[in-house]
Amino acid sequence: MDFSQIIKSLIDQNMRIAYHYGEVTAITNDSGTYYLSVKPSGSTTAITKVRYLRSYVPRVGDTVLLQVNKSDLLVLGALAAANKTLAPTASRSTNQTITTSTQTKISFDAVDSDDWNCWDLSPNPTRLTVPIAGRYLITATASFEAAASGHRAINILKNNTTEIARSDFLPVGNSIDTHSTVVTPSETLAAGDYIELRAWQNSGSDLDILGAGDHFPTLSLIYLGP
């Protein structure tokens, strides 16, 4: 379909650059490059393959600004609002028991900055699910209760099969809790992928991941761009 007439209708002939409202109707991937379909305000037809700034996390239904420069179109980003970031952090406020020599997923009971609904208390409280394909940074923290013997480990798991980051450590002593943070490199994830935090220890008896104080367990999913 020829969208030249739609584009022409957006251009103010007295200006080199014009700005107009639009609504995102679709997000597409063409040979690894992401584009938007945007329906300009007042139009019933969407313009396809519109480029957008990498700092904008696109979502179908967003109201955006179209920059028009002659026949060139660019989405500058969503209008300022509280729900325009993608960086949820799931957390747990109570202790969780980790059985010795057993990989155990942390079950979270709260989430912060989750306007994209990445976390769901039921049925999957262990997961953060990726809402849109792109590159992500994933971080996690956890503290084991004090014990003198054995090893400790936390790791970030993708889709229940692939370990993408891990931290192994020894306890400091039998009177000091052991705390660890794990961070992934930039990770390319598809929409629908999910991440989880697992804990492991082999002290010879059950140990708790601590849910109180300054070092309660967390899992964060931070969008870096397409």
N, C-alpha and C. Protein backbone atom coordinates (compact mmCIF):
# COMPACT_ATOMS: atom_id res chain seq x y z
N MET A 1 0.84 -1.19 0.00
CA MET A 1 0.00 0.00 0.00
C MET A 1 0.88 1.24 0.00
N ASP A 2 0.50 2.25 -0.78
CA ASP A 2 1.26 3.50 -0.87
C ASP A 2 0.79 4.44 0.23
N PHE A 3 1.70 4.75 1.16
CA PHE A 3 1.36 5.63 2.28
C PHE A 3 1.81 7.07 2.03
N SER A 4 2.19 7.38 0.81
CA SER A 4 2.71 8.72 0.54
C SER A 4 1.68 9.80 0.85
N GLN A 5 0.42 9.53 0.55
CA GLN A 5 -0.60 10.54 0.81
C GLN A 5 -0.79 10.75 2.31
N ILE A 6 -0.69 9.68 3.09
CA ILE A 6 -0.81 9.81 4.54
C ILE A 6 0.34 10.66 5.08
N ILE A 7 1.56 10.35 4.61
CA ILE A 7 2.72 11.11 5.05
C ILE A 7 2.59 12.58 4.66
N LYS A 8 2.17 12.82 3.42
CA LYS A 8 2.01 14.19 2.96
C LYS A 8 1.01 14.95 3.82
N SER A 9 -0.04 14.25 4.25
CA SER A 9 -1.06 14.92 5.05
C SER A 9 -0.55 15.31 6.42
N LEU A 10 0.55 14.68 6.86
CA LEU A 10 1.11 14.99 8.17
C LEU A 10 2.03 16.21 8.13
N ILE A 11 2.53 16.53 6.97
CA ILE A 11 3.57 17.54 6.86
C ILE A 11 2.96 18.94 6.79
N ASP A 12 3.45 19.80 7.66
CA ASP A 12 3.11 21.22 7.61
C ASP A 12 4.03 21.87 6.58
N GLN A 13 3.48 22.35 5.51
CA GLN A 13 4.29 22.88 4.42
C GLN A 13 5.12 24.09 4.85
N ASN A 14 4.75 24.72 5.96
CA ASN A 14 5.49 25.89 6.41
C ASN A 14 6.62 25.54 7.37
N MET A 15 6.79 24.26 7.63
CA MET A 15 7.81 23.84 8.59
C MET A 15 8.68 22.76 7.96
N ARG A 16 9.95 22.75 8.33
CA ARG A 16 10.83 21.68 7.87
C ARG A 16 10.56 20.40 8.66
N ILE A 17 10.35 20.54 9.96
CA ILE A 17 10.06 19.39 10.81
C ILE A 17 8.73 19.62 11.51
N ALA A 18 7.88 18.60 11.53
CA ALA A 18 6.59 18.68 12.20
C ALA A 18 6.44 17.50 13.14
N TYR A 19 5.59 17.66 14.15
CA TYR A 19 5.35 16.60 15.12
C TYR A 19 3.85 16.31 15.19
N HIS A 20 3.50 15.02 15.29
CA HIS A 20 2.10 14.63 15.33
C HIS A 20 1.94 13.44 16.28
N TYR A 21 0.76 13.32 16.85
CA TYR A 21 0.46 12.17 17.68
C TYR A 21 0.20 10.94 16.80
N GLY A 22 0.47 9.78 17.37
CA GLY A 22 0.15 8.53 16.69
C GLY A 22 -0.06 7.43 17.72
N GLU A 23 -0.61 6.34 17.28
CA GLU A 23 -0.83 5.17 18.15
C GLU A 23 -0.11 3.96 17.58
N VAL A 24 0.69 3.28 18.41
CA VAL A 24 1.39 2.08 17.98
C VAL A 24 0.38 0.94 17.82
N THR A 25 0.35 0.35 16.62
CA THR A 25 -0.60 -0.74 16.36
C THR A 25 0.09 -2.10 16.24
N ALA A 26 1.41 -2.11 15.98
CA ALA A 26 2.13 -3.39 15.86
C ALA A 26 3.63 -3.15 16.00
N ILE A 27 4.35 -4.19 16.41
CA ILE A 27 5.81 -4.19 16.48
C ILE A 27 6.29 -5.35 15.62
N THR A 28 7.15 -5.08 14.64
CA THR A 28 7.58 -6.11 13.71
C THR A 28 9.10 -6.23 13.70
N ASN A 29 9.57 -7.39 13.26
CA ASN A 29 11.00 -7.68 13.16
C ASN A 29 11.30 -8.05 11.72
N ASP A 30 12.15 -7.26 11.08
CA ASP A 30 12.55 -7.52 9.71
C ASP A 30 14.06 -7.73 9.67
N SER A 31 14.46 -8.99 9.56
CA SER A 31 15.89 -9.36 9.49
C SER A 31 16.67 -8.83 10.68
N GLY A 32 16.06 -8.89 11.87
CA GLY A 32 16.74 -8.49 13.09
C GLY A 32 16.57 -7.03 13.46
N THR A 33 15.94 -6.23 12.61
CA THR A 33 15.67 -4.83 12.91
C THR A 33 14.20 -4.67 13.26
N TYR A 34 13.93 -3.96 14.35
CA TYR A 34 12.55 -3.79 14.81
C TYR A 34 11.97 -2.48 14.28
N TYR A 35 10.70 -2.56 13.88
CA TYR A 35 9.97 -1.41 13.38
C TYR A 35 8.60 -1.35 14.05
N LEU A 36 7.99 -0.19 13.95
CA LEU A 36 6.64 -0.01 14.47
C LEU A 36 5.67 0.25 13.33
N SER A 37 4.43 -0.17 13.53
CA SER A 37 3.32 0.30 12.72
C SER A 37 2.59 1.33 13.57
N VAL A 38 2.39 2.53 13.01
CA VAL A 38 1.81 3.64 13.77
C VAL A 38 0.64 4.23 13.00
N LYS A 39 -0.48 4.39 13.68
CA LYS A 39 -1.65 5.02 13.07
C LYS A 39 -1.69 6.48 13.50
N PRO A 40 -1.47 7.42 12.56
CA PRO A 40 -1.49 8.84 12.92
C PRO A 40 -2.86 9.27 13.45
N SER A 41 -2.84 10.25 14.32
CA SER A 41 -4.09 10.78 14.85
C SER A 41 -4.96 11.29 13.70
N GLY A 42 -6.24 10.88 13.69
CA GLY A 42 -7.16 11.29 12.66
C GLY A 42 -7.19 10.39 11.45
N SER A 43 -6.27 9.38 11.41
CA SER A 43 -6.23 8.46 10.27
C SER A 43 -6.77 7.09 10.69
N THR A 44 -7.31 6.36 9.75
CA THR A 44 -7.79 5.01 10.02
C THR A 44 -6.79 3.96 9.54
N THR A 45 -5.69 4.39 8.94
CA THR A 45 -4.70 3.48 8.37
C THR A 45 -3.36 3.67 9.03
N ALA A 46 -2.70 2.58 9.37
CA ALA A 46 -1.39 2.65 10.02
C ALA A 46 -0.27 2.70 8.98
N ILE A 47 0.79 3.41 9.33
CA ILE A 47 2.00 3.44 8.52
C ILE A 47 2.94 2.37 9.06
N THR A 48 3.47 1.53 8.19
CA THR A 48 4.32 0.43 8.62
C THR A 48 5.80 0.80 8.53
N LYS A 49 6.63 -0.01 9.20
CA LYS A 49 8.10 0.09 9.17
C LYS A 49 8.59 1.48 9.56
N VAL A 50 8.04 2.01 10.65
CA VAL A 50 8.49 3.29 11.18
C VAL A 50 9.62 3.02 12.19
N ARG A 51 10.71 3.72 12.07
CA ARG A 51 11.83 3.56 13.00
C ARG A 51 11.52 4.27 14.32
N TYR A 52 12.22 3.84 15.37
CA TYR A 52 12.03 4.49 16.67
C TYR A 52 13.34 4.52 17.44
N LEU A 53 13.42 5.44 18.40
CA LEU A 53 14.63 5.58 19.19
C LEU A 53 14.81 4.38 20.11
N ARG A 54 16.03 3.94 20.30
CA ARG A 54 16.31 2.75 21.09
C ARG A 54 15.97 2.94 22.57
N SER A 55 15.88 4.20 23.02
CA SER A 55 15.55 4.46 24.42
C SER A 55 14.07 4.24 24.72
N TYR A 56 13.26 4.09 23.68
CA TYR A 56 11.83 3.88 23.85
C TYR A 56 11.52 2.39 23.83
N VAL A 57 10.78 1.93 24.82
CA VAL A 57 10.33 0.54 24.88
C VAL A 57 8.94 0.48 24.27
N PRO A 58 8.78 -0.02 23.05
CA PRO A 58 7.49 0.07 22.37
C PRO A 58 6.47 -0.91 22.93
N ARG A 59 5.23 -0.46 22.90
CA ARG A 59 4.12 -1.30 23.35
C ARG A 59 2.90 -0.95 22.50
N VAL A 60 2.22 -1.98 22.02
CA VAL A 60 1.01 -1.76 21.22
C VAL A 60 -0.01 -0.99 22.06
N GLY A 61 -0.58 0.06 21.46
CA GLY A 61 -1.54 0.90 22.15
C GLY A 61 -0.95 2.18 22.70
N ASP A 62 0.40 2.30 22.70
CA ASP A 62 1.04 3.52 23.19
C ASP A 62 0.68 4.71 22.30
N THR A 63 0.51 5.84 22.93
CA THR A 63 0.43 7.11 22.21
C THR A 63 1.84 7.67 22.11
N VAL A 64 2.29 7.95 20.88
CA VAL A 64 3.65 8.39 20.65
C VAL A 64 3.66 9.67 19.84
N LEU A 65 4.84 10.25 19.70
CA LEU A 65 5.02 11.41 18.84
C LEU A 65 5.74 10.99 17.57
N LEU A 66 5.19 11.35 16.43
CA LEU A 66 5.82 11.14 15.14
C LEU A 66 6.57 12.40 14.74
N GLN A 67 7.84 12.24 14.43
CA GLN A 67 8.58 13.36 13.86
C GLN A 67 8.56 13.21 12.34
N VAL A 68 8.10 14.22 11.65
CA VAL A 68 8.00 14.20 10.20
C VAL A 68 8.97 15.21 9.62
N ASN A 69 9.87 14.74 8.77
CA ASN A 69 10.82 15.61 8.09
C ASN A 69 10.78 15.26 6.61
N LYS A 70 10.04 16.05 5.86
CA LYS A 70 9.78 15.74 4.45
C LYS A 70 9.12 14.37 4.37
N SER A 71 9.78 13.38 3.77
CA SER A 71 9.15 12.05 3.66
C SER A 71 9.68 11.07 4.70
N ASP A 72 10.44 11.57 5.68
CA ASP A 72 11.03 10.71 6.69
C ASP A 72 10.20 10.75 7.97
N LEU A 73 9.99 9.57 8.56
CA LEU A 73 9.22 9.46 9.79
C LEU A 73 10.06 8.80 10.87
N LEU A 74 9.91 9.26 12.11
CA LEU A 74 10.61 8.67 13.24
C LEU A 74 9.75 8.81 14.49
N VAL A 75 9.62 7.71 15.24
CA VAL A 75 8.94 7.78 16.52
C VAL A 75 9.94 8.22 17.58
N LEU A 76 9.66 9.34 18.22
CA LEU A 76 10.57 9.87 19.24
C LEU A 76 10.43 9.13 20.56
N GLY A 77 9.25 8.58 20.81
CA GLY A 77 9.04 7.85 22.06
C GLY A 77 7.68 8.15 22.63
N ALA A 78 7.35 7.42 23.66
CA ALA A 78 6.05 7.60 24.29
C ALA A 78 6.01 8.92 25.04
N LEU A 79 4.83 9.46 25.20
CA LEU A 79 4.67 10.65 26.02
C LEU A 79 5.02 10.32 27.46
N ALA A 80 5.53 11.28 28.18
CA ALA A 80 5.99 11.04 29.55
C ALA A 80 4.86 10.50 30.41
N ALA A 81 5.14 9.41 31.11
CA ALA A 81 4.16 8.79 32.00
C ALA A 81 4.88 7.81 32.90
N ALA A 82 4.24 7.41 33.97
CA ALA A 82 4.87 6.53 34.96
C ALA A 82 5.10 5.13 34.42
N ASN A 83 4.36 4.73 33.40
CA ASN A 83 4.42 3.33 32.95
C ASN A 83 5.24 3.17 31.67
N LYS A 84 6.26 4.00 31.47
CA LYS A 84 7.03 3.94 30.24
C LYS A 84 8.41 3.34 30.43
N THR A 85 8.67 2.69 31.54
CA THR A 85 9.94 2.01 31.74
C THR A 85 9.71 0.51 31.85
N LEU A 86 10.76 -0.26 31.55
CA LEU A 86 10.67 -1.71 31.65
C LEU A 86 11.84 -2.16 32.52
N ALA A 87 11.62 -2.21 33.83
CA ALA A 87 12.67 -2.62 34.76
C ALA A 87 12.03 -3.14 36.05
N PRO A 88 11.26 -4.24 35.96
CA PRO A 88 10.62 -4.76 37.17
C PRO A 88 11.61 -5.44 38.11
N THR A 89 11.34 -5.37 39.40
CA THR A 89 12.13 -6.06 40.41
C THR A 89 11.19 -6.85 41.31
N ALA A 90 11.31 -8.17 41.27
CA ALA A 90 10.55 -9.04 42.16
C ALA A 90 11.33 -9.22 43.45
N SER A 91 10.62 -9.37 44.57
CA SER A 91 11.28 -9.50 45.87
C SER A 91 10.49 -10.44 46.77
N ARG A 92 11.16 -10.84 47.87
CA ARG A 92 10.52 -11.73 48.85
C ARG A 92 10.73 -11.14 50.23
N SER A 93 9.67 -11.12 51.05
CA SER A 93 9.73 -10.46 52.35
C SER A 93 9.84 -11.43 53.52
N THR A 94 9.78 -12.74 53.25
CA THR A 94 9.91 -13.74 54.32
C THR A 94 10.99 -14.74 53.96
N ASN A 95 11.47 -15.48 54.97
CA ASN A 95 12.50 -16.48 54.72
C ASN A 95 11.96 -17.62 53.85
N GLN A 96 12.87 -18.24 53.08
CA GLN A 96 12.53 -19.44 52.32
C GLN A 96 13.59 -20.49 52.58
N THR A 97 13.16 -21.69 52.93
CA THR A 97 14.08 -22.77 53.27
C THR A 97 14.69 -23.39 52.02
N ILE A 98 16.01 -23.56 52.04
CA ILE A 98 16.74 -24.22 50.96
C ILE A 98 17.27 -25.54 51.51
N THR A 99 16.74 -26.64 51.03
CA THR A 99 17.17 -27.97 51.47
C THR A 99 18.59 -28.23 51.00
N THR A 100 19.40 -28.86 51.84
CA THR A 100 20.79 -29.11 51.50
C THR A 100 20.90 -29.93 50.22
N SER A 101 21.86 -29.52 49.37
CA SER A 101 22.17 -30.19 48.10
C SER A 101 20.99 -30.24 47.13
N THR A 102 20.12 -29.24 47.19
CA THR A 102 18.93 -29.22 46.34
C THR A 102 18.78 -27.84 45.68
N GLN A 103 18.75 -27.81 44.35
CA GLN A 103 18.49 -26.56 43.64
C GLN A 103 17.04 -26.13 43.92
N THR A 104 16.86 -24.91 44.41
CA THR A 104 15.54 -24.43 44.82
C THR A 104 15.27 -23.05 44.23
N LYS A 105 14.15 -22.92 43.53
CA LYS A 105 13.78 -21.63 42.96
C LYS A 105 13.20 -20.73 44.05
N ILE A 106 13.56 -19.45 44.01
CA ILE A 106 13.02 -18.49 44.96
C ILE A 106 11.63 -18.08 44.51
N SER A 107 10.69 -18.16 45.42
CA SER A 107 9.31 -17.76 45.15
C SER A 107 9.10 -16.36 45.70
N PHE A 108 8.78 -15.42 44.84
CA PHE A 108 8.65 -14.02 45.23
C PHE A 108 7.22 -13.70 45.64
N ASP A 109 7.08 -12.65 46.48
CA ASP A 109 5.73 -12.29 46.94
C ASP A 109 5.36 -10.84 46.65
N ALA A 110 6.25 -10.11 45.95
CA ALA A 110 5.95 -8.71 45.62
C ALA A 110 6.78 -8.31 44.42
N VAL A 111 6.39 -7.20 43.78
CA VAL A 111 7.13 -6.69 42.63
C VAL A 111 7.03 -5.17 42.62
N ASP A 112 8.07 -4.54 42.09
CA ASP A 112 8.12 -3.09 41.99
C ASP A 112 8.35 -2.69 40.53
N SER A 113 7.74 -1.60 40.10
CA SER A 113 7.92 -1.04 38.74
C SER A 113 7.57 -2.07 37.66
N ASP A 114 6.44 -2.73 37.82
CA ASP A 114 6.06 -3.79 36.89
C ASP A 114 4.84 -3.38 36.06
N ASP A 115 4.93 -2.26 35.37
CA ASP A 115 3.83 -1.82 34.54
C ASP A 115 3.62 -2.70 33.31
N TRP A 116 4.60 -3.56 33.01
CA TRP A 116 4.49 -4.46 31.86
C TRP A 116 3.97 -5.84 32.25
N ASN A 117 3.64 -6.02 33.55
CA ASN A 117 3.07 -7.28 34.03
C ASN A 117 4.00 -8.47 33.76
N CYS A 118 5.27 -8.30 34.09
CA CYS A 118 6.24 -9.39 33.92
C CYS A 118 6.11 -10.45 35.01
N TRP A 119 5.62 -10.05 36.18
CA TRP A 119 5.51 -10.99 37.31
C TRP A 119 4.05 -11.28 37.60
N ASP A 120 3.78 -12.53 37.98
CA ASP A 120 2.42 -12.95 38.28
C ASP A 120 2.46 -13.81 39.54
N LEU A 121 1.79 -13.35 40.60
CA LEU A 121 1.80 -14.09 41.86
C LEU A 121 1.27 -15.51 41.68
N SER A 122 0.29 -15.67 40.83
CA SER A 122 -0.28 -17.00 40.55
C SER A 122 -0.52 -17.11 39.04
N PRO A 123 0.00 -18.15 38.41
CA PRO A 123 0.54 -19.37 39.02
C PRO A 123 2.06 -19.44 39.06
N ASN A 124 2.79 -18.39 38.70
CA ASN A 124 4.25 -18.49 38.55
C ASN A 124 4.97 -17.41 39.35
N PRO A 125 4.98 -17.50 40.68
CA PRO A 125 5.62 -16.46 41.49
C PRO A 125 7.14 -16.47 41.42
N THR A 126 7.75 -17.48 40.79
CA THR A 126 9.21 -17.53 40.67
C THR A 126 9.72 -16.78 39.44
N ARG A 127 8.83 -16.38 38.52
CA ARG A 127 9.24 -15.93 37.20
C ARG A 127 9.08 -14.42 36.98
N LEU A 128 9.99 -13.89 36.15
CA LEU A 128 9.77 -12.64 35.44
C LEU A 128 9.76 -12.98 33.95
N THR A 129 8.67 -12.65 33.27
CA THR A 129 8.49 -13.01 31.87
C THR A 129 8.77 -11.81 30.97
N VAL A 130 9.51 -12.04 29.90
CA VAL A 130 9.91 -10.98 28.98
C VAL A 130 8.72 -10.57 28.12
N PRO A 131 8.34 -9.27 28.11
CA PRO A 131 7.17 -8.85 27.34
C PRO A 131 7.48 -8.50 25.89
N ILE A 132 8.74 -8.16 25.59
CA ILE A 132 9.12 -7.75 24.24
C ILE A 132 10.55 -8.17 23.97
N ALA A 133 10.82 -8.62 22.76
CA ALA A 133 12.17 -9.06 22.41
C ALA A 133 13.16 -7.91 22.50
N GLY A 134 14.38 -8.24 22.90
CA GLY A 134 15.41 -7.22 22.99
C GLY A 134 16.57 -7.68 23.83
N ARG A 135 17.44 -6.75 24.19
CA ARG A 135 18.59 -7.03 25.03
C ARG A 135 18.28 -6.59 26.46
N TYR A 136 18.64 -7.43 27.41
CA TYR A 136 18.31 -7.18 28.81
C TYR A 136 19.53 -7.39 29.69
N LEU A 137 19.54 -6.67 30.80
CA LEU A 137 20.46 -6.92 31.90
C LEU A 137 19.65 -7.51 33.04
N ILE A 138 20.14 -8.60 33.62
CA ILE A 138 19.40 -9.29 34.69
C ILE A 138 20.28 -9.30 35.94
N THR A 139 19.70 -8.92 37.05
CA THR A 139 20.44 -8.92 38.32
C THR A 139 19.63 -9.67 39.37
N ALA A 140 20.33 -10.23 40.34
CA ALA A 140 19.67 -10.94 41.44
C ALA A 140 20.53 -10.84 42.69
N THR A 141 19.87 -10.85 43.84
CA THR A 141 20.57 -10.83 45.12
C THR A 141 19.91 -11.83 46.07
N ALA A 142 20.68 -12.34 47.01
CA ALA A 142 20.14 -13.25 48.03
C ALA A 142 21.14 -13.38 49.17
N SER A 143 20.62 -13.64 50.36
CA SER A 143 21.45 -13.86 51.55
C SER A 143 21.06 -15.17 52.22
N PHE A 144 22.05 -16.01 52.52
CA PHE A 144 21.83 -17.23 53.29
C PHE A 144 22.04 -16.94 54.78
N GLU A 145 21.29 -17.64 55.60
CA GLU A 145 21.52 -17.51 57.03
C GLU A 145 22.90 -18.08 57.38
N ALA A 146 23.42 -17.70 58.51
CA ALA A 146 24.77 -18.09 58.92
C ALA A 146 24.89 -19.59 59.16
N ALA A 147 25.97 -20.16 58.66
CA ALA A 147 26.35 -21.55 58.91
C ALA A 147 27.80 -21.70 58.51
N ALA A 148 28.54 -22.57 59.19
CA ALA A 148 29.99 -22.62 59.00
C ALA A 148 30.43 -23.50 57.84
N SER A 149 29.66 -24.52 57.51
CA SER A 149 30.15 -25.52 56.56
C SER A 149 29.47 -25.42 55.21
N GLY A 150 30.10 -26.04 54.20
CA GLY A 150 29.49 -26.17 52.88
C GLY A 150 29.70 -24.96 51.98
N HIS A 151 29.14 -25.09 50.77
CA HIS A 151 29.19 -24.04 49.78
C HIS A 151 27.80 -23.42 49.62
N ARG A 152 27.78 -22.24 49.00
CA ARG A 152 26.52 -21.59 48.67
C ARG A 152 26.58 -21.18 47.19
N ALA A 153 25.43 -21.08 46.55
CA ALA A 153 25.38 -20.63 45.16
C ALA A 153 24.01 -20.05 44.85
N ILE A 154 24.00 -19.02 44.01
CA ILE A 154 22.74 -18.56 43.41
C ILE A 154 22.99 -18.45 41.91
N ASN A 155 21.95 -18.73 41.13
CA ASN A 155 22.10 -18.63 39.68
C ASN A 155 20.81 -18.15 39.04
N ILE A 156 20.96 -17.52 37.88
CA ILE A 156 19.82 -17.05 37.11
C ILE A 156 19.56 -18.05 35.99
N LEU A 157 18.32 -18.49 35.89
CA LEU A 157 17.92 -19.56 34.97
C LEU A 157 16.95 -18.99 33.93
N LYS A 158 17.18 -19.35 32.66
CA LYS A 158 16.29 -18.93 31.58
C LYS A 158 15.46 -20.11 31.10
N ASN A 159 14.15 -19.93 31.08
CA ASN A 159 13.21 -20.92 30.54
C ASN A 159 13.38 -22.30 31.17
N ASN A 160 13.78 -22.30 32.45
CA ASN A 160 13.86 -23.53 33.24
C ASN A 160 14.94 -24.50 32.75
N THR A 161 15.79 -24.07 31.80
CA THR A 161 16.78 -25.00 31.25
C THR A 161 18.20 -24.44 31.19
N THR A 162 18.35 -23.15 30.96
CA THR A 162 19.65 -22.58 30.66
C THR A 162 20.11 -21.66 31.78
N GLU A 163 21.26 -22.00 32.39
CA GLU A 163 21.85 -21.14 33.40
C GLU A 163 22.64 -20.04 32.70
N ILE A 164 22.28 -18.77 32.94
CA ILE A 164 22.94 -17.68 32.22
C ILE A 164 23.85 -16.84 33.11
N ALA A 165 23.81 -17.06 34.42
CA ALA A 165 24.76 -16.39 35.33
C ALA A 165 24.74 -17.14 36.65
N ARG A 166 25.90 -17.12 37.33
CA ARG A 166 26.00 -17.89 38.58
C ARG A 166 27.02 -17.23 39.52
N SER A 167 26.77 -17.35 40.81
CA SER A 167 27.72 -16.91 41.82
C SER A 167 27.88 -18.02 42.85
N ASP A 168 29.12 -18.50 43.04
CA ASP A 168 29.44 -19.51 44.05
C ASP A 168 30.30 -18.88 45.13
N PHE A 169 30.07 -19.26 46.37
CA PHE A 169 30.84 -18.65 47.45
C PHE A 169 30.85 -19.55 48.68
N LEU A 170 31.80 -19.29 49.57
CA LEU A 170 31.93 -20.01 50.83
C LEU A 170 31.39 -19.14 51.96
N PRO A 171 30.87 -19.75 53.02
CA PRO A 171 30.43 -18.96 54.17
C PRO A 171 31.61 -18.29 54.85
N VAL A 172 31.36 -17.14 55.44
CA VAL A 172 32.41 -16.41 56.16
C VAL A 172 32.65 -17.03 57.53
N GLY A 173 31.60 -17.48 58.14
CA GLY A 173 31.71 -18.08 59.47
C GLY A 173 30.33 -18.45 59.96
N ASN A 174 30.28 -19.11 61.13
CA ASN A 174 28.97 -19.60 61.59
C ASN A 174 28.13 -18.53 62.28
N SER A 175 28.62 -17.29 62.33
CA SER A 175 27.84 -16.23 62.96
C SER A 175 27.52 -15.08 62.00
N ILE A 176 27.90 -15.24 60.72
CA ILE A 176 27.72 -14.16 59.76
C ILE A 176 26.91 -14.65 58.57
N ASP A 177 25.84 -13.96 58.25
CA ASP A 177 25.06 -14.28 57.06
C ASP A 177 25.91 -14.05 55.81
N THR A 178 25.68 -14.84 54.76
CA THR A 178 26.44 -14.69 53.53
C THR A 178 25.53 -14.13 52.44
N HIS A 179 26.00 -13.05 51.82
CA HIS A 179 25.20 -12.33 50.83
C HIS A 179 25.90 -12.38 49.48
N SER A 180 25.10 -12.51 48.40
CA SER A 180 25.68 -12.55 47.07
C SER A 180 24.80 -11.82 46.07
N THR A 181 25.46 -11.25 45.06
CA THR A 181 24.78 -10.60 43.94
C THR A 181 25.29 -11.22 42.65
N VAL A 182 24.41 -11.46 41.70
CA VAL A 182 24.80 -12.01 40.41
C VAL A 182 24.21 -11.13 39.32
N VAL A 183 25.03 -10.84 38.27
CA VAL A 183 24.62 -9.97 37.17
C VAL A 183 24.99 -10.66 35.86
N THR A 184 24.07 -10.64 34.90
CA THR A 184 24.37 -11.23 33.59
C THR A 184 25.04 -10.20 32.70
N PRO A 185 25.75 -10.65 31.66
CA PRO A 185 26.09 -9.75 30.56
C PRO A 185 24.79 -9.38 29.82
N SER A 186 24.90 -8.51 28.83
CA SER A 186 23.74 -8.21 28.00
C SER A 186 23.21 -9.50 27.38
N GLU A 187 21.93 -9.78 27.62
CA GLU A 187 21.33 -11.05 27.21
C GLU A 187 20.19 -10.78 26.23
N THR A 188 20.25 -11.40 25.05
CA THR A 188 19.18 -11.26 24.07
C THR A 188 18.07 -12.24 24.40
N LEU A 189 16.86 -11.71 24.62
CA LEU A 189 15.73 -12.53 25.02
C LEU A 189 14.56 -12.30 24.08
N ALA A 190 13.75 -13.34 23.88
CA ALA A 190 12.56 -13.25 23.05
C ALA A 190 11.34 -13.01 23.92
N ALA A 191 10.31 -12.43 23.32
CA ALA A 191 9.06 -12.27 24.05
C ALA A 191 8.55 -13.63 24.50
N GLY A 192 8.19 -13.75 25.76
CA GLY A 192 7.73 -15.02 26.31
C GLY A 192 8.80 -15.79 27.05
N ASP A 193 10.08 -15.47 26.82
CA ASP A 193 11.14 -16.06 27.66
C ASP A 193 10.91 -15.64 29.11
N TYR A 194 11.38 -16.46 30.04
CA TYR A 194 11.25 -16.07 31.44
C TYR A 194 12.52 -16.42 32.20
N ILE A 195 12.75 -15.68 33.26
CA ILE A 195 13.93 -15.88 34.09
C ILE A 195 13.51 -16.21 35.52
N GLU A 196 14.38 -16.93 36.23
CA GLU A 196 14.13 -17.31 37.62
C GLU A 196 15.44 -17.26 38.39
N LEU A 197 15.33 -17.16 39.70
CA LEU A 197 16.49 -17.19 40.59
C LEU A 197 16.47 -18.49 41.37
N ARG A 198 17.60 -19.22 41.32
CA ARG A 198 17.73 -20.46 42.09
C ARG A 198 18.81 -20.31 43.15
N ALA A 199 18.61 -21.03 44.25
CA ALA A 199 19.59 -21.06 45.34
C ALA A 199 19.98 -22.51 45.62
N TRP A 200 21.23 -22.68 46.07
CA TRP A 200 21.74 -24.02 46.37
C TRP A 200 22.75 -23.91 47.51
N GLN A 201 22.76 -24.93 48.37
CA GLN A 201 23.74 -24.99 49.45
C GLN A 201 23.92 -26.45 49.86
N ASN A 202 25.09 -26.77 50.40
CA ASN A 202 25.35 -28.15 50.83
C ASN A 202 25.98 -28.17 52.22
N SER A 203 25.37 -27.45 53.13
CA SER A 203 25.87 -27.38 54.51
C SER A 203 25.65 -28.67 55.28
N GLY A 204 24.76 -29.52 54.76
CA GLY A 204 24.41 -30.75 55.47
C GLY A 204 23.09 -30.65 56.21
N SER A 205 22.52 -29.45 56.28
CA SER A 205 21.20 -29.25 56.89
C SER A 205 20.50 -28.10 56.15
N ASP A 206 19.22 -27.96 56.42
CA ASP A 206 18.46 -26.90 55.76
C ASP A 206 18.96 -25.52 56.20
N LEU A 207 18.98 -24.59 55.23
CA LEU A 207 19.32 -23.19 55.52
C LEU A 207 18.27 -22.30 54.88
N ASP A 208 18.05 -21.16 55.50
CA ASP A 208 17.08 -20.21 54.95
C ASP A 208 17.75 -19.16 54.07
N ILE A 209 17.07 -18.80 52.98
CA ILE A 209 17.33 -17.53 52.31
C ILE A 209 16.56 -16.49 53.09
N LEU A 210 17.25 -15.42 53.51
CA LEU A 210 16.65 -14.46 54.43
C LEU A 210 15.77 -13.46 53.70
N GLY A 211 14.57 -13.25 54.25
CA GLY A 211 13.62 -12.34 53.63
C GLY A 211 13.48 -11.03 54.37
N ALA A 212 14.23 -10.84 55.43
CA ALA A 212 14.11 -9.61 56.22
C ALA A 212 15.43 -8.85 56.17
N GLY A 213 15.42 -7.61 56.65
CA GLY A 213 16.63 -6.81 56.70
C GLY A 213 16.97 -6.17 55.37
N ASP A 214 18.24 -5.86 55.19
CA ASP A 214 18.68 -5.12 54.01
C ASP A 214 18.92 -5.99 52.78
N HIS A 215 19.03 -7.29 52.95
CA HIS A 215 19.44 -8.15 51.85
C HIS A 215 18.40 -9.21 51.51
N PHE A 216 17.14 -8.81 51.41
CA PHE A 216 16.10 -9.75 50.99
C PHE A 216 16.32 -10.11 49.52
N PRO A 217 15.86 -11.30 49.09
CA PRO A 217 16.13 -11.73 47.71
C PRO A 217 15.38 -10.88 46.69
N THR A 218 16.06 -10.59 45.58
CA THR A 218 15.46 -9.82 44.50
C THR A 218 15.86 -10.42 43.16
N LEU A 219 15.03 -10.13 42.14
CA LEU A 219 15.33 -10.51 40.76
C LEU A 219 14.84 -9.38 39.87
N SER A 220 15.75 -8.80 39.06
CA SER A 220 15.41 -7.63 38.23
C SER A 220 15.65 -7.93 36.76
N LEU A 221 14.76 -7.40 35.92
CA LEU A 221 14.85 -7.54 34.47
C LEU A 221 14.87 -6.14 33.88
N ILE A 222 16.01 -5.74 33.29
CA ILE A 222 16.19 -4.35 32.86
C ILE A 222 16.38 -4.31 31.34
N TYR A 223 15.46 -3.63 30.67
CA TYR A 223 15.49 -3.52 29.21
C TYR A 223 16.57 -2.55 28.77
N LEU A 224 17.45 -3.00 27.83
CA LEU A 224 18.52 -2.16 27.32
C LEU A 224 18.22 -1.58 25.95
N GLY A 225 17.38 -2.26 25.17
CA GLY A 225 17.05 -1.80 23.82
C GLY A 225 16.86 -2.98 22.89
N PRO A 226 16.52 -2.71 21.63
CA PRO A 226 16.28 -3.79 20.66
C PRO A 226 17.53 -4.63 20.42
